[in-house]
Protein backbone atom coordinates (compact mmCIF):
# COMPACT_ATOMS: atom_id res chain seq x y z
CA MET A 1 -199.55 32.23 -225.08
CA TRP A 2 -198.73 33.12 -228.68
CA ARG A 3 -200.29 31.01 -231.38
CA ASP A 4 -197.31 31.38 -233.62
CA THR A 5 -194.23 33.50 -234.22
CA ARG A 6 -196.01 35.73 -236.72
CA THR A 7 -198.68 36.68 -234.18
CA ARG A 8 -196.00 37.44 -231.60
CA LYS A 9 -194.08 39.64 -234.03
CA ARG A 10 -197.25 41.58 -234.92
CA SER A 11 -197.99 42.10 -231.26
CA LEU A 12 -194.48 43.39 -230.58
CA ILE A 13 -194.67 45.76 -233.55
CA TRP A 14 -198.02 47.18 -232.43
CA ASN A 15 -196.75 47.55 -228.88
CA THR A 16 -193.76 49.52 -230.16
CA VAL A 17 -195.92 51.73 -232.38
CA CYS A 18 -198.40 52.44 -229.59
CA THR A 19 -195.60 53.26 -227.15
CA ARG A 20 -194.06 55.76 -229.58
CA VAL A 21 -197.43 57.36 -230.35
CA ARG A 22 -198.27 57.55 -226.65
CA ILE A 23 -195.03 59.42 -225.94
CA SER A 24 -195.50 61.95 -228.72
CA CYS A 25 -199.28 62.36 -228.69
CA PRO A 26 -201.12 63.31 -225.49
CA THR A 27 -204.43 63.02 -227.34
CA PHE A 28 -203.74 59.32 -227.89
CA THR A 29 -202.97 58.74 -224.21
CA ALA A 30 -206.14 60.60 -223.17
CA LEU A 31 -208.22 58.45 -225.52
CA LEU A 32 -206.55 55.33 -224.20
CA GLY A 33 -207.41 56.49 -220.69
CA GLN A 34 -211.05 56.86 -221.72
CA VAL A 35 -211.03 53.31 -223.07
CA TYR A 36 -209.59 52.02 -219.80
CA ALA A 37 -212.19 53.98 -217.81
CA ARG A 38 -215.05 52.53 -219.86
CA THR A 39 -213.74 49.00 -219.53
CA GLY A 40 -213.43 49.07 -215.76
CA ARG A 41 -209.70 49.62 -215.46
CA PRO A 42 -209.54 52.79 -213.31
CA LYS A 43 -205.85 52.60 -212.32
CA GLU A 44 -204.74 52.39 -215.94
CA ALA A 45 -207.26 55.07 -216.87
CA ILE A 46 -205.90 57.50 -214.27
CA LYS A 47 -202.34 56.88 -215.47
CA GLU A 48 -203.15 57.45 -219.14
CA LEU A 49 -205.44 60.42 -218.55
CA THR A 50 -202.79 62.07 -216.40
CA GLN A 51 -200.26 61.66 -219.20
CA GLY A 52 -202.79 63.05 -221.70
CA LEU A 53 -203.71 66.22 -219.82
CA ALA A 54 -201.83 68.41 -222.30
CA SER A 55 -204.49 67.60 -224.89
CA ASP A 56 -207.36 68.92 -222.75
CA GLU A 57 -208.78 71.89 -224.66
CA ASP A 58 -212.28 71.95 -223.14
CA GLY A 59 -211.83 70.58 -219.62
CA SER A 60 -213.27 67.16 -220.38
CA VAL A 61 -210.08 65.18 -219.69
CA HIS A 62 -209.64 66.83 -216.30
CA TYR A 63 -213.31 66.22 -215.56
CA GLN A 64 -213.07 62.52 -216.35
CA LEU A 65 -209.90 62.27 -214.28
CA ALA A 66 -211.70 63.98 -211.39
CA ARG A 67 -214.53 61.46 -211.58
CA LEU A 68 -212.04 58.59 -211.46
CA TYR A 69 -210.24 60.11 -208.47
CA GLN A 70 -213.61 60.57 -206.79
CA GLU A 71 -214.53 56.92 -207.37
CA ALA A 72 -211.11 55.87 -206.04
CA GLY A 73 -211.71 57.88 -202.85
CA ASP A 74 -209.02 60.51 -203.47
CA ALA A 75 -211.04 63.62 -202.60
CA SER A 76 -208.19 66.14 -202.77
CA ALA A 77 -207.02 64.99 -206.22
CA ALA A 78 -210.64 64.96 -207.40
CA ALA A 79 -211.22 68.52 -206.16
CA ALA A 80 -208.05 69.77 -207.86
CA ALA A 81 -208.97 68.11 -211.16
CA PHE A 82 -212.56 69.46 -210.99
CA GLU A 83 -211.22 72.97 -210.37
CA LYS A 84 -208.81 72.75 -213.30
CA SER A 85 -211.63 71.41 -215.47
CA LYS A 86 -213.79 74.43 -214.58
CA GLN A 87 -210.95 76.84 -215.39
CA ILE A 88 -210.25 75.26 -218.76
CA ARG A 89 -213.98 75.11 -219.57
CA ALA A 90 -214.43 78.80 -218.75
CA ARG A 91 -211.47 79.75 -220.95
CA HIS A 92 -212.78 77.51 -223.76
CA ASP A 93 -216.25 79.06 -223.55
CA ALA A 94 -214.84 82.61 -223.52
CA LEU A 95 -212.81 81.90 -226.65
CA ALA A 96 -215.83 80.34 -228.34
CA GLU A 97 -217.84 83.51 -227.65
CA LEU A 98 -215.10 85.67 -229.16
CA LYS A 99 -215.11 83.55 -232.31
CA PHE A 100 -218.91 83.64 -232.59
CA ASP A 101 -220.12 85.97 -235.31
CA PRO A 102 -223.93 86.29 -235.23
CA VAL A 103 -225.78 86.47 -238.51
CA ARG A 104 -227.07 89.96 -239.19
């Protein structure tokens, strides 16, 4: 499987780094989930997106998770994720309006 020992060592180092980053950075896990979703790996995508939900500031992570649940046939999980996505999106939009200062 491994071409040589050096390649194996590099792989193990990167695996360790990615595992540590994944644990401490929900944004990383959400991005990894998006990669899995785009490459046709829905089970892995759902797992990673679920672990990355803390990074969802605009509802997009919950929305993508809802779409994956929907495709997997889990209607109740999809509905819950869609609802949470709408709540986060509404809060995000309200905060954006408060920060908006029109030019006078």
